[in-house]
């Protein structure tokens, strides 16, 4: 079943965060993922949204998403991001359609 990685991000060091973006793209691709949303404009319709950046990545399964997260390439990207953003990330399974 398709799964999605969602990250809500508040960039605190834009120059350093650029290095993360350069490393994370190839890590996503190597892990079989595809960016669905990568930091476009956010328009809050209800409630409050505390972050200025949202990222959604599609993977073929939750296990593929976890494998991406634990991969050597993404570990290097996470290391490059350290201290450059307040970052929250989850995996959520998609809806199976029959």
PDB file of N, CA and C in Angstrom:
ATOM      1  N   UNK A   1       0.834  -1.173   0.000  1.00  0.00           N
ATOM      2  CA  UNK A   1       0.000   0.000   0.000  1.00  0.00           C
ATOM      3  C   UNK A   1       0.884   1.243   0.000  1.00  0.00           C
ATOM      4  N   UNK A   2       0.527   2.199  -0.796  1.00  0.00           N
ATOM      5  CA  UNK A   2       1.269   3.459  -0.879  1.00  0.00           C
ATOM      6  C   UNK A   2       1.350   4.121   0.496  1.00  0.00           C
ATOM      7  N   UNK A   3       2.486   4.733   0.763  1.00  0.00           N
ATOM      8  CA  UNK A   3       2.674   5.468   2.018  1.00  0.00           C
ATOM      9  C   UNK A   3       3.294   6.820   1.696  1.00  0.00           C
ATOM     10  N   UNK A   4       3.086   7.752   2.597  1.00  0.00           N
ATOM     11  CA  UNK A   4       3.567   9.112   2.405  1.00  0.00           C
ATOM     12  C   UNK A   4       4.399   9.534   3.603  1.00  0.00           C
ATOM     13  N   UNK A   5       5.496  10.197   3.326  1.00  0.00           N
ATOM     14  CA  UNK A   5       6.287  10.845   4.355  1.00  0.00           C
ATOM     15  C   UNK A   5       5.892  12.314   4.332  1.00  0.00           C
ATOM     16  N   UNK A   6       5.480  12.832   5.484  1.00  0.00           N
ATOM     17  CA  UNK A   6       5.113  14.237   5.615  1.00  0.00           C
ATOM     18  C   UNK A   6       6.087  14.894   6.573  1.00  0.00           C
ATOM     19  N   UNK A   7       6.587  16.042   6.178  1.00  0.00           N
ATOM     20  CA  UNK A   7       7.491  16.806   7.028  1.00  0.00           C
ATOM     21  C   UNK A   7       6.973  18.233   7.134  1.00  0.00           C
ATOM     22  N   UNK A   8       6.846  18.702   8.368  1.00  0.00           N
ATOM     23  CA  UNK A   8       6.535  20.119   8.582  1.00  0.00           C
ATOM     24  C   UNK A   8       7.820  20.767   9.068  1.00  0.00           C
ATOM     25  N   UNK A   9       8.159  21.874   8.449  1.00  0.00           N
ATOM     26  CA  UNK A   9       9.500  22.428   8.604  1.00  0.00           C
ATOM     27  C   UNK A   9       9.436  23.933   8.830  1.00  0.00           C
ATOM     28  N   UNK A  10      10.280  24.396   9.740  1.00  0.00           N
ATOM     29  CA  UNK A  10      10.542  25.823   9.891  1.00  0.00           C
ATOM     30  C   UNK A  10      12.050  25.992   9.746  1.00  0.00           C
ATOM     31  N   UNK A  11      12.466  26.518   8.604  1.00  0.00           N
ATOM     32  CA  UNK A  11      13.893  26.682   8.319  1.00  0.00           C
ATOM     33  C   UNK A  11      14.440  27.814   9.174  1.00  0.00           C
ATOM     34  N   UNK A  12      15.530  27.536   9.882  1.00  0.00           N
ATOM     35  CA  UNK A  12      16.157  28.544  10.736  1.00  0.00           C
ATOM     36  C   UNK A  12      17.499  29.020  10.178  1.00  0.00           C
ATOM     37  N   UNK A  13      18.081  28.230   9.275  1.00  0.00           N
ATOM     38  CA  UNK A  13      19.341  28.597   8.636  1.00  0.00           C
ATOM     39  C   UNK A  13      19.223  28.243   7.147  1.00  0.00           C
ATOM     40  N   UNK A  14      18.702  29.176   6.329  1.00  0.00           N
ATOM     41  CA  UNK A  14      18.436  28.871   4.924  1.00  0.00           C
ATOM     42  C   UNK A  14      19.660  28.408   4.137  1.00  0.00           C
ATOM     43  N   UNK A  15      20.812  28.976   4.396  1.00  0.00           N
ATOM     44  CA  UNK A  15      22.006  28.582   3.637  1.00  0.00           C
ATOM     45  C   UNK A  15      22.379  27.131   3.936  1.00  0.00           C
ATOM     46  N   UNK A  16      22.355  26.753   5.192  1.00  0.00           N
ATOM     47  CA  UNK A  16      22.667  25.374   5.563  1.00  0.00           C
ATOM     48  C   UNK A  16      21.587  24.424   5.044  1.00  0.00           C
ATOM     49  N   UNK A  17      20.332  24.851   5.082  1.00  0.00           N
ATOM     50  CA  UNK A  17      19.222  24.006   4.633  1.00  0.00           C
ATOM     51  C   UNK A  17      19.334  23.680   3.141  1.00  0.00           C
ATOM     52  N   UNK A  18      19.924  24.560   2.372  1.00  0.00           N
ATOM     53  CA  UNK A  18      20.128  24.294   0.944  1.00  0.00           C
ATOM     54  C   UNK A  18      20.970  23.035   0.740  1.00  0.00           C
ATOM     55  N   UNK A  19      21.964  22.819   1.583  1.00  0.00           N
ATOM     56  CA  UNK A  19      22.786  21.603   1.486  1.00  0.00           C
ATOM     57  C   UNK A  19      21.926  20.364   1.749  1.00  0.00           C
ATOM     58  N   UNK A  20      21.035  20.451   2.728  1.00  0.00           N
ATOM     59  CA  UNK A  20      20.107  19.351   3.001  1.00  0.00           C
ATOM     60  C   UNK A  20      19.256  19.058   1.768  1.00  0.00           C
ATOM     61  N   UNK A  21      18.716  20.095   1.145  1.00  0.00           N
ATOM     62  CA  UNK A  21      17.873  19.895  -0.042  1.00  0.00           C
ATOM     63  C   UNK A  21      18.654  19.211  -1.155  1.00  0.00           C
ATOM     64  N   UNK A  22      19.911  19.593  -1.339  1.00  0.00           N
ATOM     65  CA  UNK A  22      20.734  18.966  -2.381  1.00  0.00           C
ATOM     66  C   UNK A  22      20.953  17.477  -2.111  1.00  0.00           C
ATOM     67  N   UNK A  23      21.098  17.111  -0.857  1.00  0.00           N
ATOM     68  CA  UNK A  23      21.346  15.714  -0.500  1.00  0.00           C
ATOM     69  C   UNK A  23      20.060  14.896  -0.396  1.00  0.00           C
ATOM     70  N   UNK A  24      18.980  15.511   0.038  1.00  0.00           N
ATOM     71  CA  UNK A  24      17.755  14.744   0.265  1.00  0.00           C
ATOM     72  C   UNK A  24      17.078  14.318  -1.033  1.00  0.00           C
ATOM     73  N   UNK A  25      17.154  15.136  -2.072  1.00  0.00           N
ATOM     74  CA  UNK A  25      16.532  14.768  -3.348  1.00  0.00           C
ATOM     75  C   UNK A  25      17.047  13.447  -3.898  1.00  0.00           C
ATOM     76  N   UNK A  26      18.356  13.279  -4.043  1.00  0.00           N
ATOM     77  CA  UNK A  26      18.885  11.988  -4.508  1.00  0.00           C
ATOM     78  C   UNK A  26      18.574  10.837  -3.547  1.00  0.00           C
ATOM     79  N   UNK A  27      18.499  11.105  -2.250  1.00  0.00           N
ATOM     80  CA  UNK A  27      18.156  10.056  -1.285  1.00  0.00           C
ATOM     81  C   UNK A  27      16.713   9.591  -1.485  1.00  0.00           C
ATOM     82  N   UNK A  28      15.813  10.529  -1.730  1.00  0.00           N
ATOM     83  CA  UNK A  28      14.413  10.184  -2.000  1.00  0.00           C
ATOM     84  C   UNK A  28      14.329   9.336  -3.260  1.00  0.00           C
ATOM     85  N   UNK A  29      14.973   9.781  -4.313  1.00  0.00           N
ATOM     86  CA  UNK A  29      14.946   9.060  -5.590  1.00  0.00           C
ATOM     87  C   UNK A  29      15.517   7.649  -5.429  1.00  0.00           C
ATOM     88  N   UNK A  30      16.644   7.527  -4.751  1.00  0.00           N
ATOM     89  CA  UNK A  30      17.271   6.217  -4.546  1.00  0.00           C
ATOM     90  C   UNK A  30      16.374   5.296  -3.728  1.00  0.00           C
ATOM     91  N   UNK A  31      15.546   5.868  -2.867  1.00  0.00           N
ATOM     92  CA  UNK A  31      14.646   5.081  -2.038  1.00  0.00           C
ATOM     93  C   UNK A  31      13.319   4.763  -2.691  1.00  0.00           C
ATOM     94  N   UNK A  32      13.154   5.146  -3.961  1.00  0.00           N
ATOM     95  CA  UNK A  32      11.913   4.861  -4.666  1.00  0.00           C
ATOM     96  C   UNK A  32      10.811   5.854  -4.398  1.00  0.00           C
ATOM     97  N   UNK A  33      11.158   7.004  -3.815  1.00  0.00           N
ATOM     98  CA  UNK A  33      10.159   8.011  -3.492  1.00  0.00           C
ATOM     99  C   UNK A  33       9.992   9.054  -4.577  1.00  0.00           C
ATOM    100  N   UNK A  34       8.900   9.793  -4.456  1.00  0.00           N
ATOM    101  CA  UNK A  34       8.591  10.858  -5.412  1.00  0.00           C
ATOM    102  C   UNK A  34       8.000  12.033  -4.637  1.00  0.00           C
ATOM    103  N   UNK A  35       8.582  13.221  -4.836  1.00  0.00           N
ATOM    104  CA  UNK A  35       8.044  14.412  -4.179  1.00  0.00           C
ATOM    105  C   UNK A  35       6.666  14.735  -4.752  1.00  0.00           C
ATOM    106  N   UNK A  36       5.709  14.935  -3.861  1.00  0.00           N
ATOM    107  CA  UNK A  36       4.362  15.379  -4.230  1.00  0.00           C
ATOM    108  C   UNK A  36       4.248  16.872  -3.941  1.00  0.00           C
ATOM    109  N   UNK A  37       4.778  17.282  -2.784  1.00  0.00           N
ATOM    110  CA  UNK A  37       4.820  18.691  -2.365  1.00  0.00           C
ATOM    111  C   UNK A  37       6.212  18.931  -1.817  1.00  0.00           C
ATOM    112  N   UNK A  38       6.800  20.037  -2.216  1.00  0.00           N
ATOM    113  CA  UNK A  38       8.127  20.366  -1.691  1.00  0.00           C
ATOM    114  C   UNK A  38       8.233  21.871  -1.474  1.00  0.00           C
ATOM    115  N   UNK A  39       7.526  22.352  -0.449  1.00  0.00           N
ATOM    116  CA  UNK A  39       7.711  23.716  -0.003  1.00  0.00           C
ATOM    117  C   UNK A  39       6.930  24.785  -0.731  1.00  0.00           C
ATOM    118  N   UNK A  40       5.817  24.457  -1.360  1.00  0.00           N
ATOM    119  CA  UNK A  40       5.018  25.480  -2.028  1.00  0.00           C
ATOM    120  C   UNK A  40       4.330  26.405  -1.031  1.00  0.00           C
ATOM    121  N   UNK A  41       3.633  27.391  -1.553  1.00  0.00           N
ATOM    122  CA  UNK A  41       2.915  28.355  -0.713  1.00  0.00           C
ATOM    123  C   UNK A  41       1.837  27.629   0.092  1.00  0.00           C
ATOM    124  N   UNK A  42       1.678  28.018   1.347  1.00  0.00           N
ATOM    125  CA  UNK A  42       0.673  27.437   2.232  1.00  0.00           C
ATOM    126  C   UNK A  42      -0.405  28.473   2.488  1.00  0.00           C
ATOM    127  N   UNK A  43      -1.661  28.082   2.315  1.00  0.00           N
ATOM    128  CA  UNK A  43      -2.814  28.949   2.575  1.00  0.00           C
ATOM    129  C   UNK A  43      -3.681  28.234   3.612  1.00  0.00           C
ATOM    130  N   UNK A  44      -3.667  28.690   4.848  1.00  0.00           N
ATOM    131  CA  UNK A  44      -4.392  28.036   5.933  1.00  0.00           C
ATOM    132  C   UNK A  44      -5.886  28.282   5.769  1.00  0.00           C
ATOM    133  N   UNK A  45      -6.654  27.195   5.713  1.00  0.00           N
ATOM    134  CA  UNK A  45      -8.101  27.292   5.555  1.00  0.00           C
ATOM    135  C   UNK A  45      -8.831  27.240   6.892  1.00  0.00           C
ATOM    136  N   UNK A  46      -8.310  26.456   7.839  1.00  0.00           N
ATOM    137  CA  UNK A  46      -8.907  26.351   9.165  1.00  0.00           C
ATOM    138  C   UNK A  46      -7.813  26.153  10.195  1.00  0.00           C
ATOM    139  N   UNK A  47      -8.053  26.624  11.392  1.00  0.00           N
ATOM    140  CA  UNK A  47      -7.116  26.409  12.483  1.00  0.00           C
ATOM    141  C   UNK A  47      -5.828  27.193  12.305  1.00  0.00           C
ATOM    142  N   UNK A  48      -4.767  26.641  12.894  1.00  0.00           N
ATOM    143  CA  UNK A  48      -3.469  27.301  12.848  1.00  0.00           C
ATOM    144  C   UNK A  48      -2.446  26.364  12.230  1.00  0.00           C
ATOM    145  N   UNK A  49      -1.550  26.904  11.493  1.00  0.00           N
ATOM    146  CA  UNK A  49      -0.447  26.151  10.908  1.00  0.00           C
ATOM    147  C   UNK A  49       0.830  26.875  11.314  1.00  0.00           C
ATOM    148  N   UNK A  50       1.668  26.193  12.087  1.00  0.00           N
ATOM    149  CA  UNK A  50       2.819  26.853  12.693  1.00  0.00           C
ATOM    150  C   UNK A  50       4.079  26.835  11.830  1.00  0.00           C
ATOM    151  N   UNK A  51       4.102  26.070  10.771  1.00  0.00           N
ATOM    152  CA  UNK A  51       5.326  25.924   9.974  1.00  0.00           C
ATOM    153  C   UNK A  51       5.172  26.622   8.626  1.00  0.00           C
ATOM    154  N   UNK A  52       6.291  27.060   8.067  1.00  0.00           N
ATOM    155  CA  UNK A  52       6.245  27.766   6.786  1.00  0.00           C
ATOM    156  C   UNK A  52       6.507  26.842   5.598  1.00  0.00           C
ATOM    157  N   UNK A  53       6.870  25.573   5.870  1.00  0.00           N
ATOM    158  CA  UNK A  53       7.231  24.662   4.786  1.00  0.00           C
ATOM    159  C   UNK A  53       6.612  23.295   5.049  1.00  0.00           C
ATOM    160  N   UNK A  54       6.052  22.685   3.995  1.00  0.00           N
ATOM    161  CA  UNK A  54       5.491  21.343   4.062  1.00  0.00           C
ATOM    162  C   UNK A  54       6.087  20.527   2.925  1.00  0.00           C
ATOM    163  N   UNK A  55       6.461  19.291   3.243  1.00  0.00           N
ATOM    164  CA  UNK A  55       6.989  18.373   2.237  1.00  0.00           C
ATOM    165  C   UNK A  55       6.184  17.083   2.328  1.00  0.00           C
ATOM    166  N   UNK A  56       5.742  16.571   1.176  1.00  0.00           N
ATOM    167  CA  UNK A  56       5.055  15.281   1.096  1.00  0.00           C
ATOM    168  C   UNK A  56       5.769  14.456   0.035  1.00  0.00           C
ATOM    169  N   UNK A  57       6.166  13.236   0.440  1.00  0.00           N
ATOM    170  CA  UNK A  57       6.881  12.330  -0.460  1.00  0.00           C
ATOM    171  C   UNK A  57       6.106  11.022  -0.524  1.00  0.00           C
ATOM    172  N   UNK A  58       5.855  10.540  -1.723  1.00  0.00           N
ATOM    173  CA  UNK A  58       5.135   9.286  -1.920  1.00  0.00           C
ATOM    174  C   UNK A  58       6.121   8.134  -2.077  1.00  0.00           C
ATOM    175  N   UNK A  59       5.839   7.020  -1.378  1.00  0.00           N
ATOM    176  CA  UNK A  59       6.625   5.797  -1.492  1.00  0.00           C
ATOM    177  C   UNK A  59       5.693   4.635  -1.803  1.00  0.00           C
ATOM    178  N   UNK A  60       6.218   3.569  -2.390  1.00  0.00           N
ATOM    179  CA  UNK A  60       5.364   2.425  -2.710  1.00  0.00           C
ATOM    180  C   UNK A  60       4.785   1.731  -1.467  1.00  0.00           C
ATOM    181  N   UNK A  61       5.435   1.892  -0.316  1.00  0.00           N
ATOM    182  CA  UNK A  61       4.967   1.245   0.914  1.00  0.00           C
ATOM    183  C   UNK A  61       5.601   1.935   2.124  1.00  0.00           C
ATOM    184  N   UNK A  62       5.050   1.649   3.302  1.00  0.00           N
ATOM    185  CA  UNK A  62       5.629   2.185   4.531  1.00  0.00           C
ATOM    186  C   UNK A  62       7.023   1.610   4.755  1.00  0.00           C
ATOM    187  N   UNK A  63       7.221   0.347   4.397  1.00  0.00           N
ATOM    188  CA  UNK A  63       8.554  -0.244   4.582  1.00  0.00           C
ATOM    189  C   UNK A  63       9.579   0.434   3.671  1.00  0.00           C
ATOM    190  N   UNK A  64       9.181   0.816   2.461  1.00  0.00           N
ATOM    191  CA  UNK A  64      10.091   1.541   1.568  1.00  0.00           C
ATOM    192  C   UNK A  64      10.418   2.918   2.145  1.00  0.00           C
ATOM    193  N   UNK A  65       9.427   3.569   2.745  1.00  0.00           N
ATOM    194  CA  UNK A  65       9.654   4.882   3.359  1.00  0.00           C
ATOM    195  C   UNK A  65      10.618   4.769   4.536  1.00  0.00           C
ATOM    196  N   UNK A  66      10.454   3.737   5.348  1.00  0.00           N
ATOM    197  CA  UNK A  66      11.357   3.539   6.486  1.00  0.00           C
ATOM    198  C   UNK A  66      12.771   3.207   6.009  1.00  0.00           C
ATOM    199  N   UNK A  67      12.854   2.412   4.946  1.00  0.00           N
ATOM    200  CA  UNK A  67      14.168   2.072   4.397  1.00  0.00           C
ATOM    201  C   UNK A  67      14.868   3.334   3.884  1.00  0.00           C
ATOM    202  N   UNK A  68      14.119   4.216   3.208  1.00  0.00           N
ATOM    203  CA  UNK A  68      14.662   5.503   2.771  1.00  0.00           C
ATOM    204  C   UNK A  68      15.191   6.283   3.976  1.00  0.00           C
ATOM    205  N   UNK A  69      14.362   6.396   5.029  1.00  0.00           N
ATOM    206  CA  UNK A  69      14.733   7.195   6.195  1.00  0.00           C
ATOM    207  C   UNK A  69      16.018   6.682   6.840  1.00  0.00           C
ATOM    208  N   UNK A  70      16.186   5.374   6.857  1.00  0.00           N
ATOM    209  CA  UNK A  70      17.359   4.767   7.484  1.00  0.00           C
ATOM    210  C   UNK A  70      18.547   4.605   6.540  1.00  0.00           C
ATOM    211  N   UNK A  71      18.391   5.019   5.292  1.00  0.00           N
ATOM    212  CA  UNK A  71      19.455   4.823   4.298  1.00  0.00           C
ATOM    213  C   UNK A  71      20.675   5.699   4.590  1.00  0.00           C
ATOM    214  N   UNK A  72      21.807   5.248   4.097  1.00  0.00           N
ATOM    215  CA  UNK A  72      23.053   6.004   4.254  1.00  0.00           C
ATOM    216  C   UNK A  72      22.935   7.394   3.626  1.00  0.00           C
ATOM    217  N   UNK A  73      22.307   7.455   2.450  1.00  0.00           N
ATOM    218  CA  UNK A  73      22.169   8.753   1.764  1.00  0.00           C
ATOM    219  C   UNK A  73      21.319   9.728   2.579  1.00  0.00           C
ATOM    220  N   UNK A  74      20.222   9.233   3.152  1.00  0.00           N
ATOM    221  CA  UNK A  74      19.377  10.156   3.902  1.00  0.00           C
ATOM    222  C   UNK A  74      19.975  10.482   5.268  1.00  0.00           C
ATOM    223  N   UNK A  75      20.722   9.562   5.847  1.00  0.00           N
ATOM    224  CA  UNK A  75      21.425   9.892   7.093  1.00  0.00           C
ATOM    225  C   UNK A  75      22.388  11.057   6.864  1.00  0.00           C
ATOM    226  N   UNK A  76      23.065  11.064   5.714  1.00  0.00           N
ATOM    227  CA  UNK A  76      23.972  12.176   5.389  1.00  0.00           C
ATOM    228  C   UNK A  76      23.184  13.481   5.230  1.00  0.00           C
ATOM    229  N   UNK A  77      22.011  13.404   4.614  1.00  0.00           N
ATOM    230  CA  UNK A  77      21.173  14.597   4.465  1.00  0.00           C
ATOM    231  C   UNK A  77      20.714  15.105   5.825  1.00  0.00           C
ATOM    232  N   UNK A  78      20.288  14.190   6.702  1.00  0.00           N
ATOM    233  CA  UNK A  78      19.855  14.597   8.045  1.00  0.00           C
ATOM    234  C   UNK A  78      20.992  15.252   8.811  1.00  0.00           C
ATOM    235  N   UNK A  79      22.169  14.716   8.656  1.00  0.00           N
ATOM    236  CA  UNK A  79      23.331  15.296   9.329  1.00  0.00           C
ATOM    237  C   UNK A  79      23.592  16.718   8.818  1.00  0.00           C
ATOM    238  N   UNK A  80      23.451  16.922   7.498  1.00  0.00           N
ATOM    239  CA  UNK A  80      23.646  18.253   6.917  1.00  0.00           C
ATOM    240  C   UNK A  80      22.580  19.238   7.404  1.00  0.00           C
ATOM    241  N   UNK A  81      21.391  18.718   7.729  1.00  0.00           N
ATOM    242  CA  UNK A  81      20.281  19.562   8.169  1.00  0.00           C
ATOM    243  C   UNK A  81      20.380  19.938   9.642  1.00  0.00           C
ATOM    244  N   UNK A  82      21.144  19.204  10.421  1.00  0.00           N
ATOM    245  CA  UNK A  82      21.198  19.407  11.875  1.00  0.00           C
ATOM    246  C   UNK A  82      21.451  20.872  12.217  1.00  0.00           C
ATOM    247  N   UNK A  83      20.526  21.454  12.967  1.00  0.00           N
ATOM    248  CA  UNK A  83      20.646  22.849  13.383  1.00  0.00           C
ATOM    249  C   UNK A  83      20.152  23.858  12.368  1.00  0.00           C
ATOM    250  N   UNK A  84      19.682  23.395  11.205  1.00  0.00           N
ATOM    251  CA  UNK A  84      19.245  24.322  10.157  1.00  0.00           C
ATOM    252  C   UNK A  84      17.728  24.478  10.096  1.00  0.00           C
ATOM    253  N   UNK A  85      16.978  23.648  10.860  1.00  0.00           N
ATOM    254  CA  UNK A  85      15.520  23.716  10.783  1.00  0.00           C
ATOM    255  C   UNK A  85      14.896  23.016  11.979  1.00  0.00           C
ATOM    256  N   UNK A  86      13.719  23.505  12.361  1.00  0.00           N
ATOM    257  CA  UNK A  86      12.851  22.764  13.266  1.00  0.00           C
ATOM    258  C   UNK A  86      12.065  21.824  12.352  1.00  0.00           C
ATOM    259  N   UNK A  87      12.133  20.531  12.607  1.00  0.00           N
ATOM    260  CA  UNK A  87      11.717  19.539  11.621  1.00  0.00           C
ATOM    261  C   UNK A  87      10.910  18.445  12.301  1.00  0.00           C
ATOM    262  N   UNK A  88       9.723  18.171  11.782  1.00  0.00           N
ATOM    263  CA  UNK A  88       8.890  17.059  12.227  1.00  0.00           C
ATOM    264  C   UNK A  88       8.576  16.200  11.015  1.00  0.00           C
ATOM    265  N   UNK A  89       8.662  14.869  11.173  1.00  0.00           N
ATOM    266  CA  UNK A  89       8.432  13.978  10.040  1.00  0.00           C
ATOM    267  C   UNK A  89       7.649  12.750  10.495  1.00  0.00           C
ATOM    268  N   UNK A  90       6.662  12.348   9.679  1.00  0.00           N
ATOM    269  CA  UNK A  90       5.881  11.148   9.956  1.00  0.00           C
ATOM    270  C   UNK A  90       5.734  10.332   8.673  1.00  0.00           C
ATOM    271  N   UNK A  91       5.361   9.078   8.845  1.00  0.00           N
ATOM    272  CA  UNK A  91       4.936   8.228   7.717  1.00  0.00           C
ATOM    273  C   UNK A  91       3.469   7.924   7.943  1.00  0.00           C
ATOM    274  N   UNK A  92       2.668   8.031   6.888  1.00  0.00           N
ATOM    275  CA  UNK A  92       1.253   7.690   6.956  1.00  0.00           C
ATOM    276  C   UNK A  92       0.917   6.826   5.743  1.00  0.00           C
ATOM    277  N   UNK A  93       0.158   5.759   5.982  1.00  0.00           N
ATOM    278  CA  UNK A  93      -0.247   4.905   4.879  1.00  0.00           C
ATOM    279  C   UNK A  93      -1.401   5.540   4.123  1.00  0.00           C
ATOM    280  N   UNK A  94      -1.383   5.335   2.800  1.00  0.00           N
ATOM    281  CA  UNK A  94      -2.450   5.847   1.958  1.00  0.00           C
ATOM    282  C   UNK A  94      -3.686   4.981   2.056  1.00  0.00           C
ATOM    283  N   UNK A  95      -4.684   5.351   1.316  1.00  0.00           N
ATOM    284  CA  UNK A  95      -5.951   4.631   1.315  1.00  0.00           C
ATOM    285  C   UNK A  95      -5.889   3.570   0.225  1.00  0.00           C
ATOM    286  N   UNK A  96      -6.165   2.322   0.578  1.00  0.00           N
ATOM    287  CA  UNK A  96      -6.217   1.258  -0.411  1.00  0.00           C
ATOM    288  C   UNK A  96      -7.550   1.291  -1.142  1.00  0.00           C
ATOM    289  N   UNK A  97      -7.504   1.365  -2.450  1.00  0.00           N
ATOM    290  CA  UNK A  97      -8.726   1.394  -3.249  1.00  0.00           C
ATOM    291  C   UNK A  97      -8.938   0.036  -3.907  1.00  0.00           C
ATOM    292  N   UNK A  98     -10.102  -0.508  -3.747  1.00  0.00           N
ATOM    293  CA  UNK A  98     -10.426  -1.813  -4.352  1.00  0.00           C
ATOM    294  C   UNK A  98     -11.328  -1.636  -5.524  1.00  0.00           C
TER     295      UNK A  98
END
